[in-house]
């Protein structure tokens, strides 16, 4: 009898222990599910915030770079306008308007001494003849003479000329500008040509640093050539950028 009771009690104890184990496992599973339901939304929200934050940062970086590019473009435009204004001031002087070749050559020589960026200056009459000229290179290339005639044609029809970027004999980028010589506005009696060395544009970008290794350079998209670059050797290269 006692043995039977003891055996029955052992069975009951096993059932109780098994029930406790099953309840413990169920509680553990419920706890895992609850934690998963709590943590997963937080993780999703966190990843979403990171994506949004990263996107905002990238947009801000792009905005900064765009601002730098726009500022450099504005400086380039101002640089060219300044050189064009110099030509405008020259041709409006009374001594220059006499169209005396000797006096005009003297004036152009003085301007080139004061403004080293001018590499070649010339006056053309309406027939395309060069009546006065000063040149740092000692000679004018056939390409430069051809561009002078193009400048004459456009100045007579449009009122001014801003040529494409070309290369000097040393390989530096340069730009030809042309303005009308006028005693009476709208009635040109000649054309004043100025060839500007654009090497100064590289000084506008050489100190601009983007991120750790980024830099700014200027490209003539029509000619696929560099106009300004922080590294002079790269600028002088004939390879397409």
C-alpha atoms as a PDB file:
ATOM      1  CA  UNK A   1       0.000   0.000   0.000  1.00  0.00           C
ATOM      2  CA  UNK A   2       2.745   2.383   1.009  1.00  0.00           C
ATOM      3  CA  UNK A   3       4.697   1.492  -2.125  1.00  0.00           C
ATOM      4  CA  UNK A   4       1.646   2.198  -4.300  1.00  0.00           C
ATOM      5  CA  UNK A   5       1.118   5.605  -2.681  1.00  0.00           C
ATOM      6  CA  UNK A   6       4.766   6.454  -3.094  1.00  0.00           C
ATOM      7  CA  UNK A   7       4.661   5.523  -6.771  1.00  0.00           C
ATOM      8  CA  UNK A   8       1.488   7.573  -7.309  1.00  0.00           C
ATOM      9  CA  UNK A   9       3.099  10.550  -5.557  1.00  0.00           C
ATOM     10  CA  UNK A  10       6.151  10.240  -7.784  1.00  0.00           C
ATOM     11  CA  UNK A  11       3.935  10.311 -10.874  1.00  0.00           C
ATOM     12  CA  UNK A  12       2.151  13.427  -9.607  1.00  0.00           C
ATOM     13  CA  UNK A  13       5.488  15.111  -8.886  1.00  0.00           C
ATOM     14  CA  UNK A  14       6.691  14.292 -12.413  1.00  0.00           C
ATOM     15  CA  UNK A  15       3.478  15.704 -13.897  1.00  0.00           C
ATOM     16  CA  UNK A  16       3.887  18.865 -11.845  1.00  0.00           C
ATOM     17  CA  UNK A  17       7.516  19.241 -12.884  1.00  0.00           C
ATOM     18  CA  UNK A  18       6.650  18.596 -16.520  1.00  0.00           C
ATOM     19  CA  UNK A  19       3.886  21.158 -16.368  1.00  0.00           C
ATOM     20  CA  UNK A  20       6.253  23.695 -14.855  1.00  0.00           C
ATOM     21  CA  UNK A  21       8.801  22.976 -17.609  1.00  0.00           C
ATOM     22  CA  UNK A  22       6.130  23.364 -20.301  1.00  0.00           C
ATOM     23  CA  UNK A  23       4.875  26.593 -18.714  1.00  0.00           C
ATOM     24  CA  UNK A  24       8.479  27.856 -18.476  1.00  0.00           C
ATOM     25  CA  UNK A  25       9.090  27.136 -22.153  1.00  0.00           C
ATOM     26  CA  UNK A  26       5.847  28.830 -23.123  1.00  0.00           C
ATOM     27  CA  UNK A  27       6.689  31.874 -21.008  1.00  0.00           C
ATOM     28  CA  UNK A  28      10.133  32.017 -22.621  1.00  0.00           C
ATOM     29  CA  UNK A  29       8.607  31.836 -26.092  1.00  0.00           C
ATOM     30  CA  UNK A  30       6.110  34.557 -25.250  1.00  0.00           C
ATOM     31  CA  UNK A  31       8.899  36.728 -23.906  1.00  0.00           C
ATOM     32  CA  UNK A  32      10.951  36.242 -27.099  1.00  0.00           C
ATOM     33  CA  UNK A  33       7.946  37.080 -29.254  1.00  0.00           C
ATOM     34  CA  UNK A  34       7.197  40.166 -27.162  1.00  0.00           C
ATOM     35  CA  UNK A  35      10.791  41.360 -27.370  1.00  0.00           C
ATOM     36  CA  UNK A  36      10.836  40.752 -31.123  1.00  0.00           C
ATOM     37  CA  UNK A  37       7.600  42.693 -31.554  1.00  0.00           C
ATOM     38  CA  UNK A  38       9.099  45.524 -29.501  1.00  0.00           C
ATOM     39  CA  UNK A  39      12.596  45.611 -30.976  1.00  0.00           C
ATOM     40  CA  UNK A  40      11.900  44.991 -34.678  1.00  0.00           C
ATOM     41  CA  UNK A  41       9.856  48.218 -35.146  1.00  0.00           C
ATOM     42  CA  UNK A  42      12.602  50.122 -33.354  1.00  0.00           C
ATOM     43  CA  UNK A  43      15.222  48.644 -35.655  1.00  0.00           C
ATOM     44  CA  UNK A  44      13.142  49.417 -38.732  1.00  0.00           C
ATOM     45  CA  UNK A  45      12.578  52.980 -37.536  1.00  0.00           C
ATOM     46  CA  UNK A  46      16.286  53.328 -36.754  1.00  0.00           C
ATOM     47  CA  UNK A  47      17.339  52.139 -40.199  1.00  0.00           C
ATOM     48  CA  UNK A  48      14.793  54.456 -41.785  1.00  0.00           C
ATOM     49  CA  UNK A  49      16.116  57.409 -39.794  1.00  0.00           C
ATOM     50  CA  UNK A  50      19.667  56.533 -40.849  1.00  0.00           C
ATOM     51  CA  UNK A  51      18.595  56.410 -44.518  1.00  0.00           C
ATOM     52  CA  UNK A  52      16.766  59.733 -44.234  1.00  0.00           C
ATOM     53  CA  UNK A  53      19.700  61.287 -42.415  1.00  0.00           C
ATOM     54  CA  UNK A  54      22.205  59.980 -44.943  1.00  0.00           C
ATOM     55  CA  UNK A  55      20.067  61.247 -47.825  1.00  0.00           C
ATOM     56  CA  UNK A  56      19.845  64.674 -46.196  1.00  0.00           C
ATOM     57  CA  UNK A  57      23.618  64.754 -45.690  1.00  0.00           C
ATOM     58  CA  UNK A  58      24.237  63.759 -49.305  1.00  0.00           C
ATOM     59  CA  UNK A  59      21.885  66.488 -50.523  1.00  0.00           C
ATOM     60  CA  UNK A  60      23.685  68.987 -48.324  1.00  0.00           C
ATOM     61  CA  UNK A  61      27.077  67.893 -49.692  1.00  0.00           C
ATOM     62  CA  UNK A  62      25.809  68.186 -53.267  1.00  0.00           C
ATOM     63  CA  UNK A  63      24.440  71.631 -52.446  1.00  0.00           C
ATOM     64  CA  UNK A  64      27.831  72.742 -51.097  1.00  0.00           C
ATOM     65  CA  UNK A  65      29.643  71.460 -54.190  1.00  0.00           C
ATOM     66  CA  UNK A  66      27.111  73.098 -56.486  1.00  0.00           C
ATOM     67  CA  UNK A  67      27.577  76.365 -54.600  1.00  0.00           C
ATOM     68  CA  UNK A  68      31.355  76.152 -55.111  1.00  0.00           C
ATOM     69  CA  UNK A  69      30.901  75.470 -58.831  1.00  0.00           C
ATOM     70  CA  UNK A  70      28.500  78.397 -59.209  1.00  0.00           C
ATOM     71  CA  UNK A  71      30.882  80.713 -57.364  1.00  0.00           C
ATOM     72  CA  UNK A  72      33.801  79.697 -59.585  1.00  0.00           C
ATOM     73  CA  UNK A  73      31.645  80.151 -62.701  1.00  0.00           C
ATOM     74  CA  UNK A  74      30.724  83.637 -61.501  1.00  0.00           C
ATOM     75  CA  UNK A  75      34.388  84.479 -60.904  1.00  0.00           C
ATOM     76  CA  UNK A  76      35.293  83.293 -64.413  1.00  0.00           C
ATOM     77  CA  UNK A  77      32.560  85.434 -65.928  1.00  0.00           C
ATOM     78  CA  UNK A  78      33.722  88.467 -63.915  1.00  0.00           C
ATOM     79  CA  UNK A  79      37.322  87.840 -64.996  1.00  0.00           C
ATOM     80  CA  UNK A  80      36.407  87.853 -68.683  1.00  0.00           C
ATOM     81  CA  UNK A  81      34.135  90.895 -68.291  1.00  0.00           C
ATOM     82  CA  UNK A  82      36.974  92.770 -66.579  1.00  0.00           C
ATOM     83  CA  UNK A  83      39.334  92.160 -69.517  1.00  0.00           C
ATOM     84  CA  UNK A  84      36.617  93.114 -71.959  1.00  0.00           C
ATOM     85  CA  UNK A  85      36.039  96.357 -70.042  1.00  0.00           C
ATOM     86  CA  UNK A  86      39.765  97.092 -70.292  1.00  0.00           C
ATOM     87  CA  UNK A  87      39.474  96.930 -74.083  1.00  0.00           C
ATOM     88  CA  UNK A  88      36.406  99.171 -73.954  1.00  0.00           C
ATOM     89  CA  UNK A  89      38.322 101.812 -71.969  1.00  0.00           C
ATOM     90  CA  UNK A  90      41.260 101.721 -74.402  1.00  0.00           C
ATOM     91  CA  UNK A  91      39.279 102.222 -77.576  1.00  0.00           C
ATOM     92  CA  UNK A  92      37.292 105.118 -76.142  1.00  0.00           C
ATOM     93  CA  UNK A  93      40.357 107.283 -75.487  1.00  0.00           C
ATOM     94  CA  UNK A  94      40.714 110.261 -77.823  1.00  0.00           C
ATOM     95  CA  UNK A  95      44.305 109.338 -78.734  1.00  0.00           C
ATOM     96  CA  UNK A  96      43.231 105.876 -79.758  1.00  0.00           C
ATOM     97  CA  UNK A  97      40.319 107.102 -81.862  1.00  0.00           C
ATOM     98  CA  UNK A  98      42.658 109.064 -84.118  1.00  0.00           C
ATOM     99  CA  UNK A  99      43.421 105.679 -85.742  1.00  0.00           C
ATOM    100  CA  UNK A 100      47.063 106.715 -85.913  1.00  0.00           C
ATOM    101  CA  UNK A 101      48.890 103.353 -86.120  1.00  0.00           C
ATOM    102  CA  UNK A 102      52.023 104.583 -84.325  1.00  0.00           C
ATOM    103  CA  UNK A 103      50.072 106.135 -81.461  1.00  0.00           C
ATOM    104  CA  UNK A 104      47.803 103.094 -81.181  1.00  0.00           C
ATOM    105  CA  UNK A 105      50.810 100.764 -81.009  1.00  0.00           C
ATOM    106  CA  UNK A 106      52.270 102.890 -78.198  1.00  0.00           C
ATOM    107  CA  UNK A 107      49.012 102.721 -76.263  1.00  0.00           C
ATOM    108  CA  UNK A 108      48.718  98.963 -76.773  1.00  0.00           C
ATOM    109  CA  UNK A 109      52.317  98.503 -75.623  1.00  0.00           C
ATOM    110  CA  UNK A 110      51.621 100.481 -72.434  1.00  0.00           C
ATOM    111  CA  UNK A 111      48.500  98.409 -71.755  1.00  0.00           C
ATOM    112  CA  UNK A 112      50.382  95.144 -72.212  1.00  0.00           C
ATOM    113  CA  UNK A 113      53.058  96.323 -69.793  1.00  0.00           C
ATOM    114  CA  UNK A 114      50.376  97.154 -67.236  1.00  0.00           C
ATOM    115  CA  UNK A 115      48.368  93.978 -67.856  1.00  0.00           C
ATOM    116  CA  UNK A 116      50.681  90.964 -68.384  1.00  0.00           C
ATOM    117  CA  UNK A 117      47.683  88.696 -69.102  1.00  0.00           C
ATOM    118  CA  UNK A 118      47.326  90.285 -72.555  1.00  0.00           C
ATOM    119  CA  UNK A 119      49.527  88.286 -74.905  1.00  0.00           C
ATOM    120  CA  UNK A 120      48.589  89.953 -78.181  1.00  0.00           C
ATOM    121  CA  UNK A 121      46.712  93.146 -79.051  1.00  0.00           C
ATOM    122  CA  UNK A 122      45.857  94.474 -82.482  1.00  0.00           C
ATOM    123  CA  UNK A 123      43.674  96.953 -84.351  1.00  0.00           C
ATOM    124  CA  UNK A 124      41.955  95.918 -87.581  1.00  0.00           C
ATOM    125  CA  UNK A 125      40.306  98.257 -90.045  1.00  0.00           C
ATOM    126  CA  UNK A 126      36.953  97.302 -91.520  1.00  0.00           C
ATOM    127  CA  UNK A 127      38.699  95.598 -94.451  1.00  0.00           C
ATOM    128  CA  UNK A 128      40.475  93.223 -92.101  1.00  0.00           C
ATOM    129  CA  UNK A 129      43.925  94.797 -92.363  1.00  0.00           C
ATOM    130  CA  UNK A 130      46.025  94.930 -89.183  1.00  0.00           C
ATOM    131  CA  UNK A 131      46.908  98.601 -88.707  1.00  0.00           C
ATOM    132  CA  UNK A 132      48.544  98.348 -85.266  1.00  0.00           C
ATOM    133  CA  UNK A 133      49.801  95.350 -83.362  1.00  0.00           C
ATOM    134  CA  UNK A 134      51.806  94.371 -80.266  1.00  0.00           C
ATOM    135  CA  UNK A 135      52.669  90.732 -79.610  1.00  0.00           C
ATOM    136  CA  UNK A 136      54.600  89.020 -76.804  1.00  0.00           C
ATOM    137  CA  UNK A 137      55.301  85.970 -78.957  1.00  0.00           C
ATOM    138  CA  UNK A 138      57.225  87.895 -81.591  1.00  0.00           C
ATOM    139  CA  UNK A 139      54.993  86.525 -84.340  1.00  0.00           C
ATOM    140  CA  UNK A 140      51.312  85.906 -84.938  1.00  0.00           C
ATOM    141  CA  UNK A 141      50.287  82.361 -85.826  1.00  0.00           C
ATOM    142  CA  UNK A 142      48.034  81.664 -88.833  1.00  0.00           C
ATOM    143  CA  UNK A 143      45.415  80.400 -86.390  1.00  0.00           C
ATOM    144  CA  UNK A 144      45.462  83.738 -84.549  1.00  0.00           C
ATOM    145  CA  UNK A 145      45.168  85.681 -87.815  1.00  0.00           C
ATOM    146  CA  UNK A 146      42.188  83.555 -88.846  1.00  0.00           C
ATOM    147  CA  UNK A 147      40.509  84.202 -85.501  1.00  0.00           C
ATOM    148  CA  UNK A 148      41.075  87.945 -85.902  1.00  0.00           C
ATOM    149  CA  UNK A 149      39.054  87.830 -89.124  1.00  0.00           C
ATOM    150  CA  UNK A 150      36.297  85.875 -87.360  1.00  0.00           C
ATOM    151  CA  UNK A 151      36.318  88.474 -84.576  1.00  0.00           C
ATOM    152  CA  UNK A 152      36.030  91.293 -87.128  1.00  0.00           C
ATOM    153  CA  UNK A 153      33.021  89.641 -88.761  1.00  0.00           C
ATOM    154  CA  UNK A 154      31.193  89.066 -85.466  1.00  0.00           C
ATOM    155  CA  UNK A 155      32.005  92.465 -83.980  1.00  0.00           C
ATOM    156  CA  UNK A 156      30.563  94.158 -87.070  1.00  0.00           C
ATOM    157  CA  UNK A 157      27.349  92.123 -86.790  1.00  0.00           C
ATOM    158  CA  UNK A 158      26.955  91.409 -83.061  1.00  0.00           C
ATOM    159  CA  UNK A 159      28.965  94.185 -81.404  1.00  0.00           C
ATOM    160  CA  UNK A 160      31.610  92.133 -79.577  1.00  0.00           C
ATOM    161  CA  UNK A 161      33.536  88.901 -79.794  1.00  0.00           C
ATOM    162  CA  UNK A 162      34.407  86.226 -77.218  1.00  0.00           C
ATOM    163  CA  UNK A 163      36.262  83.456 -78.962  1.00  0.00           C
ATOM    164  CA  UNK A 164      36.750  79.789 -78.097  1.00  0.00           C
ATOM    165  CA  UNK A 165      39.552  78.747 -75.785  1.00  0.00           C
ATOM    166  CA  UNK A 166      42.749  78.073 -77.717  1.00  0.00           C
ATOM    167  CA  UNK A 167      46.352  77.290 -76.739  1.00  0.00           C
ATOM    168  CA  UNK A 168      49.375  79.567 -76.773  1.00  0.00           C
ATOM    169  CA  UNK A 169      52.669  78.336 -78.315  1.00  0.00           C
ATOM    170  CA  UNK A 170      53.695  77.368 -74.758  1.00  0.00           C
ATOM    171  CA  UNK A 171      50.501  75.372 -74.289  1.00  0.00           C
ATOM    172  CA  UNK A 172      48.652  77.744 -71.943  1.00  0.00           C
ATOM    173  CA  UNK A 173      44.912  78.307 -72.445  1.00  0.00           C
ATOM    174  CA  UNK A 174      44.024  81.657 -73.947  1.00  0.00           C
ATOM    175  CA  UNK A 175      40.951  83.537 -75.114  1.00  0.00           C
ATOM    176  CA  UNK A 176      40.505  86.127 -77.863  1.00  0.00           C
ATOM    177  CA  UNK A 177      38.266  89.115 -77.175  1.00  0.00           C
ATOM    178  CA  UNK A 178      37.136  91.758 -79.645  1.00  0.00           C
ATOM    179  CA  UNK A 179      35.333  95.114 -79.294  1.00  0.00           C
ATOM    180  CA  UNK A 180      34.442  97.761 -81.887  1.00  0.00           C
ATOM    181  CA  UNK A 181      36.421 100.978 -82.231  1.00  0.00           C
ATOM    182  CA  UNK A 182      33.684 103.621 -82.524  1.00  0.00           C
ATOM    183  CA  UNK A 183      33.678 107.394 -82.784  1.00  0.00           C
ATOM    184  CA  UNK A 184      29.900 107.249 -83.054  1.00  0.00           C
ATOM    185  CA  UNK A 185      28.064 104.477 -81.138  1.00  0.00           C
ATOM    186  CA  UNK A 186      26.881 101.752 -83.484  1.00  0.00           C
ATOM    187  CA  UNK A 187      29.193 102.838 -86.325  1.00  0.00           C
ATOM    188  CA  UNK A 188      32.532 101.017 -85.939  1.00  0.00           C
ATOM    189  CA  UNK A 189      35.621 102.271 -87.736  1.00  0.00           C
ATOM    190  CA  UNK A 190      37.733  99.311 -86.676  1.00  0.00           C
ATOM    191  CA  UNK A 191      38.065  96.440 -84.240  1.00  0.00           C
ATOM    192  CA  UNK A 192      40.303  96.118 -81.191  1.00  0.00           C
ATOM    193  CA  UNK A 193      41.541  92.585 -80.514  1.00  0.00           C
ATOM    194  CA  UNK A 194      42.972  91.312 -77.238  1.00  0.00           C
ATOM    195  CA  UNK A 195      44.291  87.788 -76.583  1.00  0.00           C
ATOM    196  CA  UNK A 196      44.156  86.957 -72.869  1.00  0.00           C
ATOM    197  CA  UNK A 197      46.251  84.297 -71.157  1.00  0.00           C
ATOM    198  CA  UNK A 198      43.878  82.345 -68.886  1.00  0.00           C
ATOM    199  CA  UNK A 199      46.530  81.004 -66.526  1.00  0.00           C
ATOM    200  CA  UNK A 200      45.178  83.290 -63.781  1.00  0.00           C
ATOM    201  CA  UNK A 201      41.995  81.213 -63.717  1.00  0.00           C
ATOM    202  CA  UNK A 202      44.002  78.335 -62.239  1.00  0.00           C
ATOM    203  CA  UNK A 203      44.858  80.540 -59.268  1.00  0.00           C
ATOM    204  CA  UNK A 204      41.107  80.899 -58.643  1.00  0.00           C
ATOM    205  CA  UNK A 205      40.726  77.145 -58.109  1.00  0.00           C
ATOM    206  CA  UNK A 206      44.063  75.929 -56.766  1.00  0.00           C
ATOM    207  CA  UNK A 207      43.185  76.565 -53.103  1.00  0.00           C
ATOM    208  CA  UNK A 208      39.661  75.137 -53.273  1.00  0.00           C
ATOM    209  CA  UNK A 209      39.562  71.751 -51.530  1.00  0.00           C
ATOM    210  CA  UNK A 210      36.480  69.494 -51.531  1.00  0.00           C
ATOM    211  CA  UNK A 211      36.357  66.800 -48.865  1.00  0.00           C
ATOM    212  CA  UNK A 212      39.835  65.318 -48.337  1.00  0.00           C
ATOM    213  CA  UNK A 213      41.101  64.859 -51.883  1.00  0.00           C
ATOM    214  CA  UNK A 214      38.607  66.721 -54.051  1.00  0.00           C
ATOM    215  CA  UNK A 215      39.486  69.733 -56.181  1.00  0.00           C
ATOM    216  CA  UNK A 216      37.964  72.135 -58.695  1.00  0.00           C
ATOM    217  CA  UNK A 217      38.879  72.461 -62.362  1.00  0.00           C
ATOM    218  CA  UNK A 218      37.393  74.203 -65.399  1.00  0.00           C
ATOM    219  CA  UNK A 219      36.775  72.521 -68.746  1.00  0.00           C
ATOM    220  CA  UNK A 220      36.012  73.967 -72.169  1.00  0.00           C
ATOM    221  CA  UNK A 221      33.232  71.565 -73.135  1.00  0.00           C
ATOM    222  CA  UNK A 222      33.344  72.523 -76.827  1.00  0.00           C
ATOM    223  CA  UNK A 223      37.064  71.757 -77.209  1.00  0.00           C
ATOM    224  CA  UNK A 224      37.187  69.051 -74.489  1.00  0.00           C
ATOM    225  CA  UNK A 225      40.211  70.804 -72.992  1.00  0.00           C
ATOM    226  CA  UNK A 226      41.181  71.981 -69.554  1.00  0.00           C
ATOM    227  CA  UNK A 227      40.967  75.725 -68.997  1.00  0.00           C
ATOM    228  CA  UNK A 228      42.058  75.782 -65.347  1.00  0.00           C
ATOM    229  CA  UNK A 229      43.441  73.146 -62.982  1.00  0.00           C
ATOM    230  CA  UNK A 230      45.270  73.199 -59.621  1.00  0.00           C
ATOM    231  CA  UNK A 231      48.146  71.228 -61.172  1.00  0.00           C
ATOM    232  CA  UNK A 232      49.921  73.130 -63.960  1.00  0.00           C
ATOM    233  CA  UNK A 233      51.390  69.999 -65.537  1.00  0.00           C
ATOM    234  CA  UNK A 234      47.903  68.515 -65.845  1.00  0.00           C
ATOM    235  CA  UNK A 235      46.697  71.804 -67.332  1.00  0.00           C
ATOM    236  CA  UNK A 236      49.412  71.748 -69.986  1.00  0.00           C
ATOM    237  CA  UNK A 237      48.655  68.153 -70.958  1.00  0.00           C
ATOM    238  CA  UNK A 238      47.201  67.678 -74.428  1.00  0.00           C
ATOM    239  CA  UNK A 239      45.105  64.717 -73.311  1.00  0.00           C
ATOM    240  CA  UNK A 240      41.361  65.166 -72.938  1.00  0.00           C
ATOM    241  CA  UNK A 241      40.321  65.593 -69.299  1.00  0.00           C
END
